Each structure stands twice: as C-alpha cells, then as structure tokens.
Amino acid sequence: MASLAKGPPITIEQYESFEGYPGLRDELIHGEIVMSPQPKPFHQQVSDNVRALLDEAIRHQPYVARQNTNIKFGQAHSMPAPDVFIVGRDAWKRACQLDEYLSQAPLLVVEVVSPANRRARVEEKARLYLSQGVAMVWIVYPKRKVVLVHRAGQDAAIERTPAHLLELPDPLVAEIPVQGFFVI
C-alpha cells in the first residue's frame, strides 16, 4: 500500500472529488489518501467467501453484508473502504436512497490483508474502525489462514484459525467457520 506525499490533511470533500489512478484502489485515512493495488484473485476469493458466509448467517436479521464501498467517518477525516462489512438494513437503504456514502458505523468490518498492506496501516485501520463505533473488526490473513478478531473495549486481538468458529457481534446471533474463508 502506498501513500501520496505528506501534506496538509485532505478533507472528505476533497477526497470525494479525487479521481484516483487506474489500477489502484484508494481510501482516505485520517486525511491521507492511501492507495493500493487491486486485489489478486485469492484475496478476492476470500472476500467473496466471507461475504457469502455473512449473507447466509444474517439472512433473517435486519442487517446486510456489503463489499468494497467507502464509509464516511467525518470526524476522523476518513473514508475507508473495507473489503466486507455488515450494517443495518435501514442505514444501507437510506444511503442508497440518498445516493450518498454510508455515514453510519457498520457493526462488523472485515479487512483481507494483501502482501502490499503494511502491518502498521492495517492496525491503524482497525483502531479507526473501533474508535468510530464499529463493534468488531476481523483482519484476515489469507496466506497464513489466520483471522485476528478485534472487539471494541478489548485491548488485544484474538487469533482464530480454520479450526475455529467466529461469533458475530451482538445483537447478531450466528457463528461462521473460519475454514470457509479460504475455500477455492
């Protein structure tokens, strides 16, 4: 993941008019535009698997799982684009009707780590999500087949392997198998 040269913080309004660069994904983190290469196939497969498992787990609950769209955290001057997230169905519907970026914190955020991701940047994003009201963050390491689970109010992440089930945050009542993340 590469960053543009340091300068004054970019505002959300400035970022929303940023055109980006072909072949790169971008997001705004604490006023800094962060760019990374498009995900490779295994990264995308893991993201798709996570989304499918979450869709199945929450199908009868008032929440939706979504992928690859920015979330507006105005007070943090950030618009991250998590790989997968769960948000209330009404909040998503409102964002769609207004055709605006989601401005409500998701309940769960999932970041799938690529070789281009720096560990410090991934940890910074986990802290950002939790500081903005996200209840739980899963950091998925596809090559190692490990998930780090960060919960709001807890100091340390918990490591989970394919032998584990992951519980969704309250008020969701479901568990999903970590092994399902890595199926090709």
N, C-alpha and C. Protein backbone atom coordinates (compact mmCIF):
# COMPACT_ATOMS: atom_id res chain seq x y z
N MET A 1 0.85 -1.16 0.00
CA MET A 1 0.00 0.00 0.00
C MET A 1 0.90 1.23 0.00
N ALA A 2 0.66 2.15 -0.90
CA ALA A 2 1.46 3.36 -0.99
C ALA A 2 0.61 4.56 -0.63
N SER A 3 1.26 5.60 -0.16
CA SER A 3 0.57 6.83 0.19
C SER A 3 1.10 7.96 -0.66
N LEU A 4 0.25 8.95 -0.89
CA LEU A 4 0.72 10.16 -1.55
C LEU A 4 1.65 10.89 -0.60
N ALA A 5 2.49 11.77 -1.13
CA ALA A 5 3.42 12.54 -0.30
C ALA A 5 2.66 13.28 0.79
N LYS A 6 3.27 13.36 1.95
CA LYS A 6 2.65 14.04 3.10
C LYS A 6 2.45 15.52 2.80
N GLY A 7 1.33 16.01 3.16
CA GLY A 7 0.98 17.41 3.01
C GLY A 7 -0.11 17.70 4.00
N PRO A 8 -0.83 18.80 3.83
CA PRO A 8 -1.94 19.09 4.73
C PRO A 8 -2.99 17.98 4.60
N PRO A 9 -3.72 17.69 5.68
CA PRO A 9 -4.75 16.65 5.60
C PRO A 9 -5.77 16.95 4.51
N ILE A 10 -6.18 15.92 3.82
CA ILE A 10 -7.20 16.02 2.78
C ILE A 10 -8.56 15.96 3.47
N THR A 11 -9.46 16.82 3.07
CA THR A 11 -10.81 16.79 3.64
C THR A 11 -11.63 15.73 2.92
N ILE A 12 -12.73 15.34 3.53
CA ILE A 12 -13.63 14.39 2.89
C ILE A 12 -14.17 14.98 1.59
N GLU A 13 -14.49 16.26 1.59
CA GLU A 13 -15.00 16.90 0.38
C GLU A 13 -13.96 16.84 -0.74
N GLN A 14 -12.70 17.09 -0.42
CA GLN A 14 -11.64 17.00 -1.43
C GLN A 14 -11.49 15.56 -1.92
N TYR A 15 -11.55 14.62 -1.00
CA TYR A 15 -11.40 13.21 -1.37
C TYR A 15 -12.54 12.76 -2.29
N GLU A 16 -13.74 13.23 -2.01
CA GLU A 16 -14.88 12.81 -2.84
C GLU A 16 -14.73 13.27 -4.29
N SER A 17 -13.93 14.30 -4.54
CA SER A 17 -13.70 14.73 -5.93
C SER A 17 -12.39 14.16 -6.50
N PHE A 18 -11.66 13.38 -5.71
CA PHE A 18 -10.41 12.76 -6.15
C PHE A 18 -10.74 11.69 -7.20
N GLU A 19 -10.04 11.71 -8.32
CA GLU A 19 -10.33 10.79 -9.40
C GLU A 19 -9.55 9.49 -9.34
N GLY A 20 -8.56 9.40 -8.50
CA GLY A 20 -7.81 8.15 -8.38
C GLY A 20 -6.91 7.88 -9.58
N TYR A 21 -6.32 6.69 -9.56
CA TYR A 21 -5.41 6.28 -10.62
C TYR A 21 -5.83 4.92 -11.13
N PRO A 22 -5.77 4.71 -12.44
CA PRO A 22 -6.17 3.41 -13.00
C PRO A 22 -5.36 2.27 -12.37
N GLY A 23 -6.06 1.22 -12.02
CA GLY A 23 -5.40 0.04 -11.47
C GLY A 23 -5.11 0.09 -9.99
N LEU A 24 -5.47 1.20 -9.32
CA LEU A 24 -5.23 1.31 -7.89
C LEU A 24 -6.54 1.57 -7.15
N ARG A 25 -6.65 1.00 -5.96
CA ARG A 25 -7.76 1.31 -5.06
C ARG A 25 -7.30 2.44 -4.16
N ASP A 26 -8.23 3.25 -3.71
CA ASP A 26 -7.84 4.32 -2.80
C ASP A 26 -8.88 4.47 -1.70
N GLU A 27 -8.44 5.06 -0.60
CA GLU A 27 -9.30 5.37 0.53
C GLU A 27 -8.65 6.51 1.30
N LEU A 28 -9.45 7.19 2.11
CA LEU A 28 -8.95 8.31 2.91
C LEU A 28 -8.85 7.84 4.36
N ILE A 29 -7.65 7.93 4.94
CA ILE A 29 -7.42 7.53 6.32
C ILE A 29 -6.77 8.69 7.06
N HIS A 30 -7.49 9.27 8.00
CA HIS A 30 -7.00 10.41 8.79
C HIS A 30 -6.43 11.51 7.90
N GLY A 31 -7.17 11.84 6.84
CA GLY A 31 -6.75 12.95 5.97
C GLY A 31 -5.68 12.60 4.97
N GLU A 32 -5.32 11.33 4.84
CA GLU A 32 -4.28 10.91 3.91
C GLU A 32 -4.88 9.94 2.89
N ILE A 33 -4.68 10.19 1.62
CA ILE A 33 -5.14 9.27 0.59
C ILE A 33 -4.16 8.10 0.53
N VAL A 34 -4.70 6.92 0.72
CA VAL A 34 -3.89 5.70 0.72
C VAL A 34 -4.30 4.88 -0.50
N MET A 35 -3.30 4.49 -1.29
CA MET A 35 -3.58 3.72 -2.49
C MET A 35 -2.93 2.34 -2.38
N SER A 36 -3.58 1.36 -3.00
CA SER A 36 -3.04 0.01 -3.02
C SER A 36 -3.43 -0.64 -4.35
N PRO A 37 -2.69 -1.67 -4.74
CA PRO A 37 -3.04 -2.36 -5.99
C PRO A 37 -4.40 -3.04 -5.86
N GLN A 38 -5.03 -3.28 -6.99
CA GLN A 38 -6.26 -4.06 -6.98
C GLN A 38 -5.95 -5.44 -6.41
N PRO A 39 -6.92 -6.03 -5.72
CA PRO A 39 -6.65 -7.34 -5.12
C PRO A 39 -6.40 -8.42 -6.18
N LYS A 40 -5.54 -9.35 -5.81
CA LYS A 40 -5.29 -10.51 -6.67
C LYS A 40 -6.41 -11.52 -6.46
N PRO A 41 -6.46 -12.56 -7.29
CA PRO A 41 -7.59 -13.49 -7.24
C PRO A 41 -7.85 -14.14 -5.87
N PHE A 42 -6.83 -14.60 -5.15
CA PHE A 42 -7.10 -15.27 -3.88
C PHE A 42 -7.67 -14.29 -2.86
N HIS A 43 -7.16 -13.07 -2.84
CA HIS A 43 -7.71 -12.03 -1.96
C HIS A 43 -9.20 -11.84 -2.27
N GLN A 44 -9.53 -11.71 -3.56
CA GLN A 44 -10.92 -11.51 -3.94
C GLN A 44 -11.77 -12.72 -3.60
N GLN A 45 -11.21 -13.92 -3.76
CA GLN A 45 -11.96 -15.13 -3.43
C GLN A 45 -12.28 -15.17 -1.94
N VAL A 46 -11.29 -14.82 -1.11
CA VAL A 46 -11.51 -14.80 0.34
C VAL A 46 -12.59 -13.77 0.68
N SER A 47 -12.52 -12.58 0.10
CA SER A 47 -13.55 -11.56 0.34
C SER A 47 -14.92 -12.06 -0.05
N ASP A 48 -15.01 -12.70 -1.23
CA ASP A 48 -16.29 -13.24 -1.69
C ASP A 48 -16.80 -14.32 -0.74
N ASN A 49 -15.90 -15.19 -0.28
CA ASN A 49 -16.30 -16.25 0.65
C ASN A 49 -16.84 -15.67 1.95
N VAL A 50 -16.14 -14.67 2.49
CA VAL A 50 -16.58 -14.03 3.73
C VAL A 50 -17.96 -13.42 3.52
N ARG A 51 -18.13 -12.71 2.44
CA ARG A 51 -19.43 -12.09 2.16
C ARG A 51 -20.54 -13.13 2.06
N ALA A 52 -20.29 -14.23 1.36
CA ALA A 52 -21.30 -15.28 1.20
C ALA A 52 -21.65 -15.90 2.56
N LEU A 53 -20.65 -16.16 3.39
CA LEU A 53 -20.90 -16.73 4.72
C LEU A 53 -21.70 -15.76 5.58
N LEU A 54 -21.35 -14.48 5.52
CA LEU A 54 -22.09 -13.48 6.29
C LEU A 54 -23.52 -13.34 5.78
N ASP A 55 -23.69 -13.30 4.46
CA ASP A 55 -25.05 -13.22 3.90
C ASP A 55 -25.92 -14.35 4.44
N GLU A 56 -25.39 -15.54 4.43
CA GLU A 56 -26.14 -16.71 4.92
C GLU A 56 -26.43 -16.59 6.41
N ALA A 57 -25.46 -16.15 7.18
CA ALA A 57 -25.61 -16.08 8.64
C ALA A 57 -26.63 -15.03 9.08
N ILE A 58 -26.77 -13.94 8.30
CA ILE A 58 -27.66 -12.84 8.73
C ILE A 58 -28.93 -12.73 7.90
N ARG A 59 -29.23 -13.73 7.09
CA ARG A 59 -30.34 -13.61 6.13
C ARG A 59 -31.68 -13.31 6.76
N HIS A 60 -31.91 -13.68 8.02
CA HIS A 60 -33.20 -13.43 8.66
C HIS A 60 -33.10 -12.30 9.70
N GLN A 61 -32.04 -11.51 9.62
CA GLN A 61 -31.84 -10.44 10.58
C GLN A 61 -31.86 -9.10 9.84
N PRO A 62 -32.11 -8.00 10.54
CA PRO A 62 -32.25 -6.70 9.85
C PRO A 62 -30.90 -6.04 9.51
N TYR A 63 -30.02 -6.83 8.91
CA TYR A 63 -28.68 -6.36 8.54
C TYR A 63 -28.35 -6.85 7.15
N VAL A 64 -27.39 -6.18 6.50
CA VAL A 64 -26.91 -6.60 5.19
C VAL A 64 -25.38 -6.62 5.20
N ALA A 65 -24.82 -7.50 4.41
CA ALA A 65 -23.37 -7.54 4.21
C ALA A 65 -23.08 -6.88 2.87
N ARG A 66 -22.04 -6.08 2.82
CA ARG A 66 -21.65 -5.39 1.60
C ARG A 66 -20.14 -5.45 1.44
N GLN A 67 -19.67 -5.13 0.22
CA GLN A 67 -18.25 -5.18 -0.09
C GLN A 67 -17.79 -3.91 -0.79
N ASN A 68 -16.53 -3.56 -0.56
CA ASN A 68 -15.80 -2.59 -1.36
C ASN A 68 -16.51 -1.27 -1.63
N THR A 69 -17.00 -0.65 -0.59
CA THR A 69 -17.53 0.70 -0.75
C THR A 69 -17.04 1.53 0.43
N ASN A 70 -16.84 2.79 0.20
CA ASN A 70 -16.32 3.66 1.25
C ASN A 70 -17.38 3.94 2.31
N ILE A 71 -16.89 4.18 3.51
CA ILE A 71 -17.73 4.58 4.64
C ILE A 71 -17.20 5.92 5.13
N LYS A 72 -18.10 6.86 5.31
CA LYS A 72 -17.71 8.23 5.66
C LYS A 72 -17.67 8.40 7.18
N PHE A 73 -16.46 8.62 7.73
CA PHE A 73 -16.26 8.93 9.14
C PHE A 73 -15.79 10.38 9.22
N GLY A 74 -16.72 11.32 9.16
CA GLY A 74 -16.40 12.73 9.06
C GLY A 74 -15.49 13.26 10.15
N GLN A 75 -15.79 12.94 11.41
CA GLN A 75 -14.99 13.49 12.50
C GLN A 75 -13.56 12.96 12.49
N ALA A 76 -13.33 11.83 11.82
CA ALA A 76 -11.98 11.28 11.74
C ALA A 76 -11.31 11.60 10.41
N HIS A 77 -11.96 12.42 9.57
CA HIS A 77 -11.42 12.77 8.25
C HIS A 77 -11.02 11.52 7.47
N SER A 78 -11.93 10.52 7.51
CA SER A 78 -11.60 9.24 6.91
C SER A 78 -12.77 8.68 6.11
N MET A 79 -12.44 8.01 5.02
CA MET A 79 -13.40 7.26 4.23
C MET A 79 -12.75 5.94 3.82
N PRO A 80 -12.62 5.03 4.79
CA PRO A 80 -12.03 3.74 4.45
C PRO A 80 -12.98 2.92 3.58
N ALA A 81 -12.41 1.95 2.90
CA ALA A 81 -13.19 1.05 2.04
C ALA A 81 -12.90 -0.38 2.47
N PRO A 82 -13.62 -0.86 3.49
CA PRO A 82 -13.36 -2.23 3.95
C PRO A 82 -13.70 -3.25 2.86
N ASP A 83 -13.05 -4.40 2.94
CA ASP A 83 -13.32 -5.46 1.98
C ASP A 83 -14.76 -5.96 2.12
N VAL A 84 -15.22 -6.13 3.35
CA VAL A 84 -16.58 -6.59 3.63
C VAL A 84 -17.04 -5.92 4.92
N PHE A 85 -18.34 -5.65 5.03
CA PHE A 85 -18.87 -5.12 6.29
C PHE A 85 -20.33 -5.48 6.43
N ILE A 86 -20.81 -5.42 7.67
CA ILE A 86 -22.23 -5.61 7.98
C ILE A 86 -22.75 -4.32 8.57
N VAL A 87 -23.91 -3.89 8.06
CA VAL A 87 -24.54 -2.67 8.54
C VAL A 87 -26.04 -2.91 8.60
N GLY A 88 -26.73 -2.10 9.39
CA GLY A 88 -28.18 -2.21 9.47
C GLY A 88 -28.82 -2.00 8.11
N ARG A 89 -29.82 -2.82 7.81
CA ARG A 89 -30.52 -2.75 6.52
C ARG A 89 -31.10 -1.35 6.29
N ASP A 90 -31.67 -0.72 7.33
CA ASP A 90 -32.25 0.62 7.17
C ASP A 90 -31.20 1.67 6.83
N ALA A 91 -30.03 1.58 7.47
CA ALA A 91 -28.95 2.54 7.18
C ALA A 91 -28.48 2.37 5.74
N TRP A 92 -28.37 1.14 5.28
CA TRP A 92 -27.94 0.90 3.90
C TRP A 92 -28.99 1.42 2.92
N LYS A 93 -30.26 1.14 3.21
CA LYS A 93 -31.34 1.59 2.34
C LYS A 93 -31.35 3.12 2.25
N ARG A 94 -31.14 3.79 3.39
CA ARG A 94 -31.10 5.26 3.42
C ARG A 94 -29.94 5.78 2.56
N ALA A 95 -28.76 5.16 2.69
CA ALA A 95 -27.61 5.58 1.89
C ALA A 95 -27.90 5.40 0.39
N CYS A 96 -28.56 4.30 0.06
CA CYS A 96 -28.90 4.06 -1.35
C CYS A 96 -29.92 5.09 -1.85
N GLN A 97 -30.94 5.36 -1.06
CA GLN A 97 -31.97 6.31 -1.48
C GLN A 97 -31.39 7.71 -1.68
N LEU A 98 -30.48 8.10 -0.82
CA LEU A 98 -29.84 9.42 -0.92
C LEU A 98 -28.68 9.41 -1.90
N ASP A 99 -28.25 8.21 -2.32
CA ASP A 99 -27.08 8.02 -3.16
C ASP A 99 -25.86 8.71 -2.56
N GLU A 100 -25.67 8.46 -1.27
CA GLU A 100 -24.54 9.01 -0.52
C GLU A 100 -23.77 7.87 0.13
N TYR A 101 -22.51 8.14 0.43
CA TYR A 101 -21.73 7.14 1.14
C TYR A 101 -22.35 6.88 2.50
N LEU A 102 -22.25 5.66 2.93
CA LEU A 102 -22.73 5.27 4.24
C LEU A 102 -22.01 6.11 5.29
N SER A 103 -22.76 6.70 6.21
CA SER A 103 -22.13 7.51 7.25
C SER A 103 -22.38 6.94 8.63
N GLN A 104 -22.97 5.78 8.70
CA GLN A 104 -23.18 5.09 9.99
C GLN A 104 -22.13 4.01 10.12
N ALA A 105 -21.60 3.86 11.32
CA ALA A 105 -20.60 2.83 11.55
C ALA A 105 -21.21 1.45 11.35
N PRO A 106 -20.54 0.58 10.59
CA PRO A 106 -21.00 -0.79 10.48
C PRO A 106 -20.89 -1.50 11.83
N LEU A 107 -21.56 -2.61 11.93
CA LEU A 107 -21.47 -3.45 13.13
C LEU A 107 -20.18 -4.27 13.10
N LEU A 108 -19.84 -4.76 11.92
CA LEU A 108 -18.65 -5.59 11.71
C LEU A 108 -17.94 -5.11 10.46
N VAL A 109 -16.61 -5.06 10.52
CA VAL A 109 -15.78 -4.75 9.36
C VAL A 109 -14.78 -5.89 9.19
N VAL A 110 -14.57 -6.29 7.93
CA VAL A 110 -13.59 -7.33 7.60
C VAL A 110 -12.58 -6.74 6.63
N GLU A 111 -11.32 -6.83 6.99
CA GLU A 111 -10.23 -6.42 6.11
C GLU A 111 -9.43 -7.66 5.73
N VAL A 112 -9.28 -7.90 4.44
CA VAL A 112 -8.47 -9.01 3.94
C VAL A 112 -7.11 -8.44 3.57
N VAL A 113 -6.07 -8.97 4.18
CA VAL A 113 -4.73 -8.42 4.03
C VAL A 113 -4.03 -8.99 2.80
N SER A 114 -3.47 -8.08 2.01
CA SER A 114 -2.68 -8.44 0.83
C SER A 114 -1.20 -8.23 1.15
N PRO A 115 -0.31 -8.83 0.35
CA PRO A 115 1.12 -8.60 0.57
C PRO A 115 1.49 -7.12 0.53
N ALA A 116 0.75 -6.30 -0.21
CA ALA A 116 1.06 -4.87 -0.30
C ALA A 116 0.67 -4.10 0.96
N ASN A 117 -0.13 -4.69 1.84
CA ASN A 117 -0.57 -4.00 3.05
C ASN A 117 0.53 -4.00 4.11
N ARG A 118 0.81 -2.82 4.64
CA ARG A 118 1.75 -2.71 5.75
C ARG A 118 1.01 -3.00 7.05
N ARG A 119 1.64 -3.75 7.94
CA ARG A 119 1.02 -4.12 9.21
C ARG A 119 0.56 -2.90 10.00
N ALA A 120 1.39 -1.87 10.04
CA ALA A 120 1.04 -0.66 10.80
C ALA A 120 -0.22 -0.02 10.24
N ARG A 121 -0.38 -0.02 8.91
CA ARG A 121 -1.56 0.58 8.29
C ARG A 121 -2.81 -0.25 8.59
N VAL A 122 -2.69 -1.56 8.58
CA VAL A 122 -3.82 -2.42 8.89
C VAL A 122 -4.26 -2.22 10.34
N GLU A 123 -3.31 -2.15 11.25
CA GLU A 123 -3.63 -1.91 12.66
C GLU A 123 -4.25 -0.52 12.86
N GLU A 124 -3.74 0.46 12.12
CA GLU A 124 -4.30 1.81 12.20
C GLU A 124 -5.77 1.80 11.75
N LYS A 125 -6.06 1.07 10.69
CA LYS A 125 -7.45 1.00 10.23
C LYS A 125 -8.33 0.29 11.25
N ALA A 126 -7.84 -0.76 11.89
CA ALA A 126 -8.63 -1.45 12.92
C ALA A 126 -8.95 -0.49 14.05
N ARG A 127 -7.96 0.29 14.49
CA ARG A 127 -8.20 1.28 15.55
C ARG A 127 -9.20 2.34 15.09
N LEU A 128 -9.08 2.78 13.84
CA LEU A 128 -10.02 3.77 13.30
C LEU A 128 -11.44 3.23 13.36
N TYR A 129 -11.66 2.03 12.86
CA TYR A 129 -13.00 1.45 12.86
C TYR A 129 -13.56 1.38 14.28
N LEU A 130 -12.77 0.87 15.20
CA LEU A 130 -13.26 0.72 16.58
C LEU A 130 -13.53 2.08 17.22
N SER A 131 -12.71 3.07 16.92
CA SER A 131 -12.91 4.41 17.50
C SER A 131 -14.16 5.10 16.95
N GLN A 132 -14.65 4.63 15.81
CA GLN A 132 -15.81 5.25 15.18
C GLN A 132 -17.10 4.47 15.42
N GLY A 133 -17.06 3.49 16.32
CA GLY A 133 -18.27 2.79 16.72
C GLY A 133 -18.47 1.41 16.14
N VAL A 134 -17.52 0.90 15.37
CA VAL A 134 -17.62 -0.47 14.86
C VAL A 134 -17.41 -1.41 16.05
N ALA A 135 -18.29 -2.39 16.20
CA ALA A 135 -18.24 -3.30 17.34
C ALA A 135 -17.13 -4.34 17.22
N MET A 136 -16.84 -4.78 15.98
CA MET A 136 -15.87 -5.85 15.79
C MET A 136 -15.19 -5.68 14.44
N VAL A 137 -13.88 -6.00 14.42
CA VAL A 137 -13.09 -5.95 13.19
C VAL A 137 -12.39 -7.30 13.05
N TRP A 138 -12.52 -7.91 11.88
CA TRP A 138 -11.78 -9.13 11.56
C TRP A 138 -10.71 -8.76 10.55
N ILE A 139 -9.46 -9.08 10.88
CA ILE A 139 -8.34 -8.91 9.96
C ILE A 139 -7.97 -10.31 9.47
N VAL A 140 -8.17 -10.55 8.19
CA VAL A 140 -7.97 -11.88 7.61
C VAL A 140 -6.63 -11.91 6.88
N TYR A 141 -5.80 -12.89 7.23
CA TYR A 141 -4.51 -13.11 6.58
C TYR A 141 -4.62 -14.37 5.73
N PRO A 142 -4.94 -14.25 4.43
CA PRO A 142 -5.19 -15.42 3.59
C PRO A 142 -4.03 -16.41 3.49
N LYS A 143 -2.82 -15.90 3.32
CA LYS A 143 -1.68 -16.82 3.16
C LYS A 143 -1.42 -17.64 4.42
N ARG A 144 -1.60 -17.02 5.59
CA ARG A 144 -1.39 -17.71 6.86
C ARG A 144 -2.64 -18.44 7.34
N LYS A 145 -3.78 -18.16 6.71
CA LYS A 145 -5.08 -18.72 7.09
C LYS A 145 -5.37 -18.46 8.57
N VAL A 146 -5.28 -17.18 8.90
CA VAL A 146 -5.50 -16.72 10.28
C VAL A 146 -6.40 -15.49 10.24
N VAL A 147 -7.25 -15.36 11.27
CA VAL A 147 -8.09 -14.18 11.43
C VAL A 147 -7.79 -13.59 12.80
N LEU A 148 -7.50 -12.30 12.84
CA LEU A 148 -7.36 -11.59 14.11
C LEU A 148 -8.68 -10.89 14.38
N VAL A 149 -9.25 -11.13 15.55
CA VAL A 149 -10.54 -10.57 15.93
C VAL A 149 -10.30 -9.44 16.93
N HIS A 150 -10.68 -8.24 16.55
CA HIS A 150 -10.59 -7.06 17.42
C HIS A 150 -12.01 -6.71 17.85
N ARG A 151 -12.21 -6.55 19.14
CA ARG A 151 -13.52 -6.16 19.68
C ARG A 151 -13.41 -4.80 20.35
N ALA A 152 -14.45 -4.01 20.21
CA ALA A 152 -14.50 -2.72 20.91
C ALA A 152 -14.37 -2.98 22.40
N GLY A 153 -13.54 -2.21 23.07
CA GLY A 153 -13.37 -2.32 24.51
C GLY A 153 -12.37 -3.37 24.96
N GLN A 154 -11.77 -4.11 24.03
CA GLN A 154 -10.75 -5.09 24.39
C GLN A 154 -9.40 -4.62 23.87
N ASP A 155 -8.38 -4.82 24.69
CA ASP A 155 -7.04 -4.35 24.32
C ASP A 155 -6.36 -5.20 23.26
N ALA A 156 -6.50 -6.51 23.35
CA ALA A 156 -5.74 -7.40 22.47
C ALA A 156 -6.67 -8.12 21.49
N ALA A 157 -6.14 -8.37 20.31
CA ALA A 157 -6.87 -9.16 19.32
C ALA A 157 -6.76 -10.63 19.69
N ILE A 158 -7.74 -11.39 19.26
CA ILE A 158 -7.75 -12.84 19.47
C ILE A 158 -7.52 -13.49 18.12
N GLU A 159 -6.60 -14.44 18.07
CA GLU A 159 -6.29 -15.13 16.82
C GLU A 159 -7.19 -16.35 16.65
N ARG A 160 -7.70 -16.51 15.44
CA ARG A 160 -8.55 -17.65 15.11
C ARG A 160 -8.01 -18.32 13.85
N THR A 161 -8.07 -19.65 13.82
CA THR A 161 -7.58 -20.45 12.70
C THR A 161 -8.76 -21.19 12.06
N PRO A 162 -8.51 -21.93 10.97
CA PRO A 162 -9.60 -22.66 10.33
C PRO A 162 -10.33 -23.65 11.25
N ALA A 163 -9.75 -24.02 12.36
CA ALA A 163 -10.41 -24.93 13.30
C ALA A 163 -11.50 -24.23 14.13
N HIS A 164 -11.56 -22.91 14.07
CA HIS A 164 -12.47 -22.14 14.92
C HIS A 164 -13.74 -21.70 14.19
N LEU A 165 -14.73 -21.36 15.01
CA LEU A 165 -15.93 -20.66 14.54
C LEU A 165 -15.81 -19.22 15.03
N LEU A 166 -16.28 -18.28 14.24
CA LEU A 166 -16.29 -16.87 14.63
C LEU A 166 -17.70 -16.47 14.99
N GLU A 167 -17.85 -15.90 16.18
CA GLU A 167 -19.15 -15.36 16.58
C GLU A 167 -19.30 -13.96 16.01
N LEU A 168 -20.49 -13.65 15.55
CA LEU A 168 -20.77 -12.30 15.09
C LEU A 168 -21.06 -11.42 16.30
N PRO A 169 -20.84 -10.11 16.17
CA PRO A 169 -21.08 -9.22 17.31
C PRO A 169 -22.56 -9.10 17.65
N ASP A 170 -22.85 -8.80 18.91
CA ASP A 170 -24.23 -8.56 19.34
C ASP A 170 -24.76 -7.37 18.55
N PRO A 171 -25.99 -7.37 18.16
CA PRO A 171 -27.08 -8.27 18.51
C PRO A 171 -27.23 -9.46 17.57
N LEU A 172 -26.29 -9.64 16.64
CA LEU A 172 -26.37 -10.76 15.71
C LEU A 172 -26.14 -12.06 16.47
N VAL A 173 -26.88 -13.07 16.07
CA VAL A 173 -26.75 -14.38 16.71
C VAL A 173 -26.40 -15.37 15.62
N ALA A 174 -25.10 -15.62 15.46
CA ALA A 174 -24.64 -16.56 14.45
C ALA A 174 -23.15 -16.81 14.64
N GLU A 175 -22.72 -17.93 14.11
CA GLU A 175 -21.30 -18.27 14.06
C GLU A 175 -20.99 -18.70 12.64
N ILE A 176 -19.78 -18.39 12.20
CA ILE A 176 -19.37 -18.85 10.88
C ILE A 176 -18.00 -19.51 10.98
N PRO A 177 -17.75 -20.53 10.14
CA PRO A 177 -16.49 -21.26 10.20
C PRO A 177 -15.36 -20.51 9.49
N VAL A 178 -14.25 -20.35 10.18
CA VAL A 178 -13.09 -19.70 9.57
C VAL A 178 -12.63 -20.48 8.35
N GLN A 179 -12.72 -21.80 8.40
CA GLN A 179 -12.24 -22.60 7.26
C GLN A 179 -12.95 -22.23 5.96
N GLY A 180 -14.20 -21.76 6.05
CA GLY A 180 -14.93 -21.37 4.86
C GLY A 180 -14.37 -20.14 4.17
N PHE A 181 -13.57 -19.37 4.87
CA PHE A 181 -12.97 -18.17 4.26
C PHE A 181 -12.01 -18.54 3.14
N PHE A 182 -11.34 -19.68 3.28
CA PHE A 182 -10.20 -19.99 2.43
C PHE A 182 -10.48 -21.03 1.35
N VAL A 183 -11.74 -21.34 1.11
CA VAL A 183 -12.13 -22.31 0.10
C VAL A 183 -11.97 -21.71 -1.29
N ILE A 184 -11.40 -22.49 -2.19
CA ILE A 184 -11.24 -22.02 -3.58
C ILE A 184 -12.26 -22.75 -4.45
